[in-house]
């Protein structure tokens, strides 16, 4: 299956369960975005599928709408279940499945992000993506959900790595 933001989000849900930790929608969305940024900088490729995913500058930081809509029913509560998708098999029959992250390089980066930001609560991880000079800060306009270009995200995370 092609790499996409929902598979990466489900991987973080699995990490939270494995580590007996709590993850909320804000924390999940920011970790997916941060992983996306590091993957652009380190692997020179995106972890989101442009057919379904993009990154937008919302009030509380970078958001990948597909991840938001997949998990918004949790509101501010801890997420305990992975997102499920449906696909048609044949003859009008459907199959439900949870997208799974298969890419070992992306898993390594996601694990790094998990470990680095494991102690960050929602306020702290939101603040991290709101600092001046972040891609969000350059793109955010109140009342708009403007796209954050991958080139901007890649440049920002490449600069972080060089520090």
N, C-alpha and C. Protein backbone atom coordinates (compact mmCIF):
# COMPACT_ATOMS: atom_id res chain seq x y z
N UNK A 1 0.83 -1.18 0.00
CA UNK A 1 0.00 0.00 0.00
C UNK A 1 0.87 1.24 0.00
N UNK A 2 0.48 2.27 -0.74
CA UNK A 2 1.24 3.50 -0.83
C UNK A 2 1.28 4.19 0.54
N UNK A 3 2.37 4.88 0.78
CA UNK A 3 2.54 5.64 2.00
C UNK A 3 1.49 6.74 2.08
N UNK A 4 0.89 6.92 3.23
CA UNK A 4 -0.04 8.02 3.41
C UNK A 4 -0.08 8.43 4.87
N UNK A 5 -0.65 9.60 5.11
CA UNK A 5 -0.66 10.18 6.45
C UNK A 5 -1.47 9.35 7.44
N UNK A 6 -2.52 8.69 6.99
CA UNK A 6 -3.34 7.88 7.90
C UNK A 6 -2.56 6.67 8.40
N UNK A 7 -1.78 6.05 7.53
CA UNK A 7 -0.95 4.92 7.95
C UNK A 7 0.07 5.38 9.00
N UNK A 8 0.66 6.55 8.79
CA UNK A 8 1.62 7.09 9.75
C UNK A 8 0.91 7.42 11.07
N UNK A 9 -0.27 8.01 11.00
CA UNK A 9 -1.04 8.31 12.22
C UNK A 9 -1.36 7.02 12.98
N UNK A 10 -1.77 5.98 12.26
CA UNK A 10 -2.05 4.70 12.91
C UNK A 10 -0.80 4.13 13.59
N UNK A 11 0.36 4.36 12.99
CA UNK A 11 1.61 3.90 13.59
C UNK A 11 1.83 4.59 14.95
N UNK A 12 1.53 5.89 15.01
CA UNK A 12 1.66 6.60 16.29
C UNK A 12 0.64 6.11 17.32
N UNK A 13 -0.55 5.74 16.88
CA UNK A 13 -1.53 5.16 17.80
C UNK A 13 -0.97 3.85 18.36
N UNK A 14 -0.35 3.04 17.51
CA UNK A 14 0.29 1.80 17.97
C UNK A 14 1.43 2.08 18.96
N UNK A 15 2.24 3.10 18.66
CA UNK A 15 3.35 3.45 19.57
C UNK A 15 2.82 3.88 20.94
N UNK A 16 1.74 4.65 20.93
CA UNK A 16 1.15 5.09 22.20
C UNK A 16 0.69 3.89 23.02
N UNK A 17 0.01 2.96 22.36
CA UNK A 17 -0.44 1.74 23.07
C UNK A 17 0.74 0.94 23.59
N UNK A 18 1.74 0.75 22.74
CA UNK A 18 2.92 -0.04 23.10
C UNK A 18 3.66 0.57 24.30
N UNK A 19 3.66 1.89 24.37
CA UNK A 19 4.38 2.59 25.44
C UNK A 19 3.47 2.99 26.60
N UNK A 20 2.23 2.48 26.57
CA UNK A 20 1.26 2.80 27.61
C UNK A 20 1.17 4.31 27.83
N UNK A 21 1.14 5.03 26.71
CA UNK A 21 1.09 6.49 26.73
C UNK A 21 -0.23 6.96 26.13
N UNK A 22 -0.54 8.19 26.38
CA UNK A 22 -1.76 8.78 25.85
C UNK A 22 -1.40 9.70 24.68
N UNK A 23 -2.22 9.67 23.63
CA UNK A 23 -2.04 10.58 22.51
C UNK A 23 -3.41 11.12 22.12
N UNK A 24 -3.48 12.42 21.94
CA UNK A 24 -4.72 13.07 21.54
C UNK A 24 -4.61 13.51 20.09
N UNK A 25 -5.69 14.04 19.58
CA UNK A 25 -5.71 14.47 18.19
C UNK A 25 -4.64 15.53 17.91
N UNK A 26 -4.49 16.52 18.78
CA UNK A 26 -3.46 17.54 18.56
C UNK A 26 -2.08 16.92 18.52
N UNK A 27 -1.78 16.09 19.51
CA UNK A 27 -0.46 15.46 19.56
C UNK A 27 -0.21 14.56 18.37
N UNK A 28 -1.24 13.86 17.95
CA UNK A 28 -1.12 12.97 16.80
C UNK A 28 -0.83 13.76 15.53
N UNK A 29 -1.63 14.80 15.28
CA UNK A 29 -1.45 15.59 14.05
C UNK A 29 -0.08 16.24 13.99
N UNK A 30 0.39 16.77 15.12
CA UNK A 30 1.70 17.43 15.12
C UNK A 30 2.83 16.43 14.91
N UNK A 31 2.72 15.24 15.51
CA UNK A 31 3.76 14.24 15.33
C UNK A 31 3.80 13.72 13.88
N UNK A 32 2.65 13.57 13.27
CA UNK A 32 2.61 13.17 11.86
C UNK A 32 3.28 14.25 11.01
N UNK A 33 2.96 15.51 11.28
CA UNK A 33 3.57 16.60 10.51
C UNK A 33 5.08 16.66 10.72
N UNK A 34 5.52 16.57 11.97
CA UNK A 34 6.96 16.63 12.26
C UNK A 34 7.69 15.48 11.57
N UNK A 35 7.11 14.29 11.60
CA UNK A 35 7.71 13.15 10.90
C UNK A 35 7.77 13.42 9.40
N UNK A 36 6.71 13.99 8.86
CA UNK A 36 6.69 14.37 7.45
C UNK A 36 7.85 15.32 7.15
N UNK A 37 8.06 16.31 8.02
CA UNK A 37 9.15 17.26 7.82
C UNK A 37 10.51 16.61 7.84
N UNK A 38 10.75 15.74 8.82
CA UNK A 38 12.04 15.06 8.89
C UNK A 38 12.24 14.11 7.72
N UNK A 39 11.18 13.47 7.25
CA UNK A 39 11.30 12.58 6.10
C UNK A 39 11.64 13.38 4.83
N UNK A 40 11.05 14.54 4.67
CA UNK A 40 11.40 15.38 3.52
C UNK A 40 12.88 15.76 3.58
N UNK A 41 13.36 16.11 4.77
CA UNK A 41 14.74 16.56 4.93
C UNK A 41 15.75 15.42 4.85
N UNK A 42 15.44 14.28 5.44
CA UNK A 42 16.40 13.17 5.53
C UNK A 42 16.30 12.23 4.33
N UNK A 43 15.08 11.84 3.98
CA UNK A 43 14.87 10.85 2.91
C UNK A 43 14.61 11.50 1.55
N UNK A 44 14.40 12.81 1.56
CA UNK A 44 14.09 13.55 0.33
C UNK A 44 12.81 13.03 -0.33
N UNK A 45 11.85 12.62 0.52
CA UNK A 45 10.55 12.18 0.00
C UNK A 45 9.48 12.40 1.05
N UNK A 46 8.27 12.49 0.56
CA UNK A 46 7.13 12.76 1.41
C UNK A 46 6.55 11.48 1.98
N UNK A 47 5.93 11.60 3.14
CA UNK A 47 5.22 10.46 3.72
C UNK A 47 3.72 10.61 3.53
N UNK A 48 3.33 11.64 2.80
CA UNK A 48 1.91 11.81 2.56
C UNK A 48 1.62 11.65 1.07
N UNK A 49 0.46 11.12 0.78
CA UNK A 49 0.05 10.86 -0.59
C UNK A 49 -0.69 12.10 -1.12
N UNK A 50 -0.11 12.78 -2.12
CA UNK A 50 -0.73 14.02 -2.59
C UNK A 50 -2.14 13.83 -3.16
N UNK A 51 -2.51 12.61 -3.46
CA UNK A 51 -3.87 12.35 -3.95
C UNK A 51 -4.90 12.56 -2.84
N UNK A 52 -4.49 12.24 -1.60
CA UNK A 52 -5.42 12.32 -0.47
C UNK A 52 -5.00 13.34 0.58
N UNK A 53 -3.73 13.66 0.63
CA UNK A 53 -3.18 14.43 1.74
C UNK A 53 -2.52 15.71 1.28
N UNK A 54 -2.59 16.71 2.11
CA UNK A 54 -1.78 17.91 1.99
C UNK A 54 -1.64 18.48 3.39
N UNK A 55 -0.78 19.45 3.56
CA UNK A 55 -0.59 20.07 4.86
C UNK A 55 -1.13 21.49 4.78
N UNK A 56 -1.93 21.86 5.76
CA UNK A 56 -2.52 23.19 5.79
C UNK A 56 -2.20 23.88 7.11
N UNK A 57 -2.14 25.22 7.07
CA UNK A 57 -1.90 26.04 8.26
C UNK A 57 -3.24 26.41 8.88
N UNK A 58 -3.58 25.73 9.96
CA UNK A 58 -4.81 26.00 10.69
C UNK A 58 -4.46 26.78 11.96
N UNK A 59 -5.47 27.22 12.68
CA UNK A 59 -5.27 28.05 13.87
C UNK A 59 -4.28 27.44 14.85
N UNK A 60 -4.39 26.14 15.09
CA UNK A 60 -3.53 25.49 16.09
C UNK A 60 -2.35 24.77 15.48
N UNK A 61 -1.95 25.18 14.28
CA UNK A 61 -0.73 24.62 13.69
C UNK A 61 -0.97 23.87 12.42
N UNK A 62 0.08 23.20 11.95
CA UNK A 62 -0.03 22.41 10.72
C UNK A 62 -0.99 21.25 10.90
N UNK A 63 -1.86 21.07 9.91
CA UNK A 63 -2.85 19.99 9.95
C UNK A 63 -2.87 19.29 8.60
N UNK A 64 -2.93 17.98 8.63
CA UNK A 64 -3.17 17.18 7.44
C UNK A 64 -4.65 16.80 7.53
N UNK A 65 -5.49 17.41 6.69
CA UNK A 65 -6.94 17.23 6.84
C UNK A 65 -7.40 15.77 6.89
N UNK A 66 -6.75 14.89 6.15
CA UNK A 66 -7.17 13.48 6.19
C UNK A 66 -6.97 12.88 7.58
N UNK A 67 -5.92 13.28 8.27
CA UNK A 67 -5.69 12.80 9.64
C UNK A 67 -6.72 13.43 10.58
N UNK A 68 -6.93 14.73 10.42
CA UNK A 68 -7.94 15.40 11.25
C UNK A 68 -9.30 14.72 11.12
N UNK A 69 -9.75 14.51 9.89
CA UNK A 69 -11.09 13.94 9.70
C UNK A 69 -11.16 12.48 10.13
N UNK A 70 -10.05 11.77 10.07
CA UNK A 70 -10.04 10.37 10.50
C UNK A 70 -10.13 10.22 12.02
N UNK A 71 -9.70 11.23 12.75
CA UNK A 71 -9.63 11.11 14.21
C UNK A 71 -10.43 12.16 14.97
N UNK A 72 -11.13 13.06 14.28
CA UNK A 72 -11.82 14.16 14.95
C UNK A 72 -12.91 13.69 15.91
N UNK A 73 -13.45 12.51 15.70
CA UNK A 73 -14.49 12.00 16.61
C UNK A 73 -13.96 11.80 18.03
N UNK A 74 -12.65 11.73 18.19
CA UNK A 74 -12.04 11.58 19.51
C UNK A 74 -12.05 12.89 20.30
N UNK A 75 -12.25 14.01 19.59
CA UNK A 75 -12.19 15.34 20.18
C UNK A 75 -10.89 15.49 20.97
N UNK A 76 -10.95 15.86 22.23
CA UNK A 76 -9.73 16.04 23.04
C UNK A 76 -9.40 14.80 23.88
N UNK A 77 -10.13 13.73 23.66
CA UNK A 77 -9.91 12.50 24.41
C UNK A 77 -8.73 11.71 23.84
N UNK A 78 -8.12 10.89 24.66
CA UNK A 78 -7.03 10.04 24.15
C UNK A 78 -7.53 9.13 23.02
N UNK A 79 -6.71 8.96 22.03
CA UNK A 79 -7.04 8.09 20.90
C UNK A 79 -6.60 6.68 21.25
N UNK A 80 -7.52 5.74 21.14
CA UNK A 80 -7.21 4.36 21.50
C UNK A 80 -7.36 3.40 20.32
N UNK A 81 -8.00 3.86 19.26
CA UNK A 81 -8.24 2.99 18.10
C UNK A 81 -7.68 3.62 16.84
N UNK A 82 -7.17 2.78 15.96
CA UNK A 82 -6.66 3.24 14.67
C UNK A 82 -7.80 3.64 13.74
N UNK A 83 -7.45 4.44 12.77
CA UNK A 83 -8.41 4.82 11.73
C UNK A 83 -8.60 3.65 10.77
N UNK A 84 -9.83 3.49 10.32
CA UNK A 84 -10.17 2.41 9.41
C UNK A 84 -10.68 2.99 8.10
N UNK A 85 -10.30 2.37 7.01
CA UNK A 85 -10.77 2.77 5.67
C UNK A 85 -11.58 1.62 5.08
N UNK A 86 -12.24 1.92 3.99
CA UNK A 86 -13.03 0.90 3.31
C UNK A 86 -12.60 0.87 1.85
N UNK A 87 -12.59 -0.33 1.29
CA UNK A 87 -12.34 -0.43 -0.15
C UNK A 87 -13.27 -1.49 -0.72
N UNK A 88 -13.63 -1.26 -1.97
CA UNK A 88 -14.49 -2.23 -2.64
C UNK A 88 -13.63 -3.38 -3.12
N UNK A 89 -14.04 -4.60 -2.82
CA UNK A 89 -13.30 -5.78 -3.28
C UNK A 89 -13.79 -6.17 -4.67
N UNK A 90 -15.06 -6.53 -4.76
CA UNK A 90 -15.70 -6.81 -6.05
C UNK A 90 -17.17 -7.12 -5.81
N UNK A 91 -17.93 -7.04 -6.87
CA UNK A 91 -19.36 -7.36 -6.81
C UNK A 91 -20.11 -6.63 -5.70
N UNK A 92 -19.73 -5.37 -5.46
CA UNK A 92 -20.43 -4.58 -4.45
C UNK A 92 -20.09 -4.96 -3.02
N UNK A 93 -19.06 -5.77 -2.83
CA UNK A 93 -18.63 -6.14 -1.48
C UNK A 93 -17.47 -5.24 -1.06
N UNK A 94 -17.46 -4.94 0.22
CA UNK A 94 -16.45 -4.02 0.74
C UNK A 94 -15.65 -4.67 1.85
N UNK A 95 -14.46 -4.13 2.03
CA UNK A 95 -13.57 -4.63 3.08
C UNK A 95 -13.08 -3.43 3.90
N UNK A 96 -13.10 -3.56 5.20
CA UNK A 96 -12.58 -2.53 6.08
C UNK A 96 -11.16 -2.91 6.48
N UNK A 97 -10.28 -1.91 6.54
CA UNK A 97 -8.89 -2.18 6.92
C UNK A 97 -8.29 -0.94 7.57
N UNK A 98 -7.33 -1.15 8.42
CA UNK A 98 -6.59 -0.05 9.04
C UNK A 98 -5.29 0.12 8.26
N UNK A 99 -5.07 1.27 7.63
CA UNK A 99 -3.81 1.48 6.90
C UNK A 99 -2.61 1.29 7.82
N UNK A 100 -1.65 0.55 7.35
CA UNK A 100 -0.46 0.22 8.14
C UNK A 100 0.78 0.79 7.49
N UNK A 101 1.67 1.31 8.31
CA UNK A 101 2.95 1.82 7.83
C UNK A 101 3.89 0.65 7.58
N UNK A 102 4.36 0.52 6.35
CA UNK A 102 5.22 -0.60 5.98
C UNK A 102 6.69 -0.19 5.80
N UNK A 103 6.95 1.08 5.61
CA UNK A 103 8.27 1.59 5.26
C UNK A 103 9.17 1.69 6.49
N UNK A 104 10.23 0.87 6.54
CA UNK A 104 11.12 0.83 7.70
C UNK A 104 11.88 2.13 7.92
N UNK A 105 12.26 2.82 6.84
CA UNK A 105 12.95 4.10 7.00
C UNK A 105 12.04 5.13 7.66
N UNK A 106 10.81 5.17 7.25
CA UNK A 106 9.85 6.10 7.84
C UNK A 106 9.56 5.70 9.28
N UNK A 107 9.48 4.41 9.55
CA UNK A 107 9.27 3.95 10.93
C UNK A 107 10.41 4.42 11.84
N UNK A 108 11.64 4.36 11.35
CA UNK A 108 12.79 4.81 12.16
C UNK A 108 12.65 6.30 12.50
N UNK A 109 12.24 7.10 11.52
CA UNK A 109 12.08 8.53 11.77
C UNK A 109 10.89 8.77 12.70
N UNK A 110 9.81 8.05 12.51
CA UNK A 110 8.65 8.18 13.40
C UNK A 110 9.03 7.79 14.83
N UNK A 111 9.82 6.75 14.98
CA UNK A 111 10.28 6.35 16.32
C UNK A 111 11.13 7.44 16.96
N UNK A 112 12.00 8.07 16.16
CA UNK A 112 12.81 9.19 16.64
C UNK A 112 11.89 10.32 17.12
N UNK A 113 10.90 10.68 16.32
CA UNK A 113 9.97 11.76 16.67
C UNK A 113 9.22 11.39 17.94
N UNK A 114 8.77 10.14 18.03
CA UNK A 114 8.04 9.69 19.22
C UNK A 114 8.92 9.87 20.47
N UNK A 115 10.14 9.37 20.40
CA UNK A 115 11.04 9.44 21.57
C UNK A 115 11.42 10.88 21.91
N UNK A 116 11.67 11.68 20.90
CA UNK A 116 12.09 13.06 21.14
C UNK A 116 10.97 13.89 21.77
N UNK A 117 9.73 13.65 21.37
CA UNK A 117 8.62 14.49 21.82
C UNK A 117 7.63 13.75 22.72
N UNK A 118 8.03 12.64 23.28
CA UNK A 118 7.12 11.82 24.09
C UNK A 118 6.58 12.58 25.30
N UNK A 119 7.35 13.46 25.87
CA UNK A 119 6.93 14.19 27.07
C UNK A 119 6.21 15.49 26.75
N UNK A 120 6.05 15.82 25.47
CA UNK A 120 5.39 17.06 25.09
C UNK A 120 3.87 16.89 25.18
N UNK A 121 3.23 17.73 26.00
CA UNK A 121 1.77 17.72 26.02
C UNK A 121 1.27 18.51 24.82
N UNK A 122 -0.05 18.58 24.66
CA UNK A 122 -0.62 19.26 23.49
C UNK A 122 -0.17 20.71 23.39
N UNK A 123 -0.20 21.45 24.50
CA UNK A 123 0.19 22.86 24.46
C UNK A 123 1.63 23.03 24.01
N UNK A 124 2.50 22.18 24.51
CA UNK A 124 3.92 22.31 24.18
C UNK A 124 4.20 21.93 22.72
N UNK A 125 3.55 20.89 22.23
CA UNK A 125 3.81 20.49 20.84
C UNK A 125 3.16 21.46 19.86
N UNK A 126 2.02 22.05 20.24
CA UNK A 126 1.42 23.10 19.41
C UNK A 126 2.36 24.30 19.36
N UNK A 127 2.88 24.71 20.52
CA UNK A 127 3.81 25.84 20.57
C UNK A 127 5.04 25.59 19.71
N UNK A 128 5.51 24.35 19.72
CA UNK A 128 6.69 24.00 18.92
C UNK A 128 6.48 24.26 17.44
N UNK A 129 5.28 23.99 16.96
CA UNK A 129 5.00 24.19 15.54
C UNK A 129 4.53 25.62 15.24
N UNK A 130 4.42 26.46 16.28
CA UNK A 130 3.98 27.85 16.12
C UNK A 130 5.12 28.86 16.26
N UNK A 131 6.32 28.40 16.51
CA UNK A 131 7.44 29.33 16.68
C UNK A 131 7.59 30.22 15.45
N UNK A 132 8.12 31.40 15.65
CA UNK A 132 8.38 32.25 14.49
C UNK A 132 9.44 31.55 13.64
N UNK A 133 9.30 31.68 12.35
CA UNK A 133 10.22 31.02 11.44
C UNK A 133 9.80 29.63 11.01
N UNK A 134 8.74 29.09 11.62
CA UNK A 134 8.26 27.77 11.21
C UNK A 134 7.45 27.91 9.92
N UNK A 135 7.32 26.83 9.18
CA UNK A 135 6.49 26.88 7.97
C UNK A 135 5.07 27.38 8.27
N UNK A 136 4.50 26.95 9.40
CA UNK A 136 3.17 27.40 9.78
C UNK A 136 3.13 28.93 9.91
N UNK A 137 4.14 29.50 10.57
CA UNK A 137 4.17 30.94 10.81
C UNK A 137 4.21 31.72 9.49
N UNK A 138 4.86 31.18 8.49
CA UNK A 138 4.93 31.85 7.19
C UNK A 138 3.61 31.75 6.42
N UNK A 139 2.85 30.70 6.66
CA UNK A 139 1.67 30.43 5.83
C UNK A 139 0.34 30.78 6.49
N UNK A 140 0.29 30.84 7.81
CA UNK A 140 -0.99 31.00 8.49
C UNK A 140 -1.60 32.37 8.24
N UNK A 141 -2.89 32.35 7.89
CA UNK A 141 -3.71 33.55 7.81
C UNK A 141 -5.03 33.21 8.49
N UNK A 142 -5.41 34.04 9.46
CA UNK A 142 -6.62 33.76 10.22
C UNK A 142 -7.82 33.56 9.30
N UNK A 143 -8.57 32.51 9.58
CA UNK A 143 -9.77 32.21 8.80
C UNK A 143 -9.51 31.47 7.50
N UNK A 144 -8.25 31.23 7.19
CA UNK A 144 -7.88 30.53 5.95
C UNK A 144 -7.17 29.22 6.34
N UNK A 145 -7.30 28.24 5.51
CA UNK A 145 -6.54 26.99 5.69
C UNK A 145 -5.58 26.89 4.51
N UNK A 146 -4.57 27.73 4.54
CA UNK A 146 -3.63 27.80 3.43
C UNK A 146 -2.68 26.60 3.45
N UNK A 147 -2.35 26.13 2.28
CA UNK A 147 -1.43 25.00 2.18
C UNK A 147 -0.02 25.41 2.60
N UNK A 148 0.65 24.51 3.28
CA UNK A 148 2.06 24.70 3.64
C UNK A 148 2.87 23.89 2.62
N UNK A 149 3.61 24.54 1.75
CA UNK A 149 4.35 23.82 0.71
C UNK A 149 5.43 22.90 1.29
N UNK A 150 5.58 21.74 0.69
CA UNK A 150 6.62 20.79 1.12
C UNK A 150 8.01 21.41 1.04
N UNK A 151 8.25 22.26 0.06
CA UNK A 151 9.58 22.88 -0.05
C UNK A 151 9.91 23.72 1.18
N UNK A 152 8.93 24.41 1.71
CA UNK A 152 9.13 25.20 2.92
C UNK A 152 9.37 24.31 4.13
N UNK A 153 8.57 23.26 4.23
CA UNK A 153 8.73 22.30 5.34
C UNK A 153 10.10 21.62 5.26
N UNK A 154 10.49 21.19 4.07
CA UNK A 154 11.79 20.53 3.89
C UNK A 154 12.93 21.46 4.28
N UNK A 155 12.87 22.71 3.85
CA UNK A 155 13.93 23.67 4.18
C UNK A 155 14.03 23.88 5.69
N UNK A 156 12.89 23.99 6.35
CA UNK A 156 12.88 24.20 7.80
C UNK A 156 13.49 23.00 8.53
N UNK A 157 13.07 21.79 8.19
CA UNK A 157 13.58 20.61 8.88
C UNK A 157 15.03 20.31 8.50
N UNK A 158 15.43 20.64 7.31
CA UNK A 158 16.85 20.49 6.92
C UNK A 158 17.72 21.41 7.78
N UNK A 159 17.22 22.61 8.03
CA UNK A 159 17.94 23.56 8.87
C UNK A 159 18.02 23.05 10.30
N UNK A 160 16.94 22.46 10.82
CA UNK A 160 16.96 21.88 12.17
C UNK A 160 18.01 20.79 12.30
N UNK A 161 18.11 19.96 11.27
CA UNK A 161 19.06 18.85 11.30
C UNK A 161 20.50 19.36 11.34
N UNK A 162 20.76 20.45 10.62
CA UNK A 162 22.12 20.98 10.55
C UNK A 162 22.56 21.61 11.85
N UNK A 163 21.59 22.01 12.70
CA UNK A 163 21.97 22.60 14.00
C UNK A 163 22.55 21.56 14.84
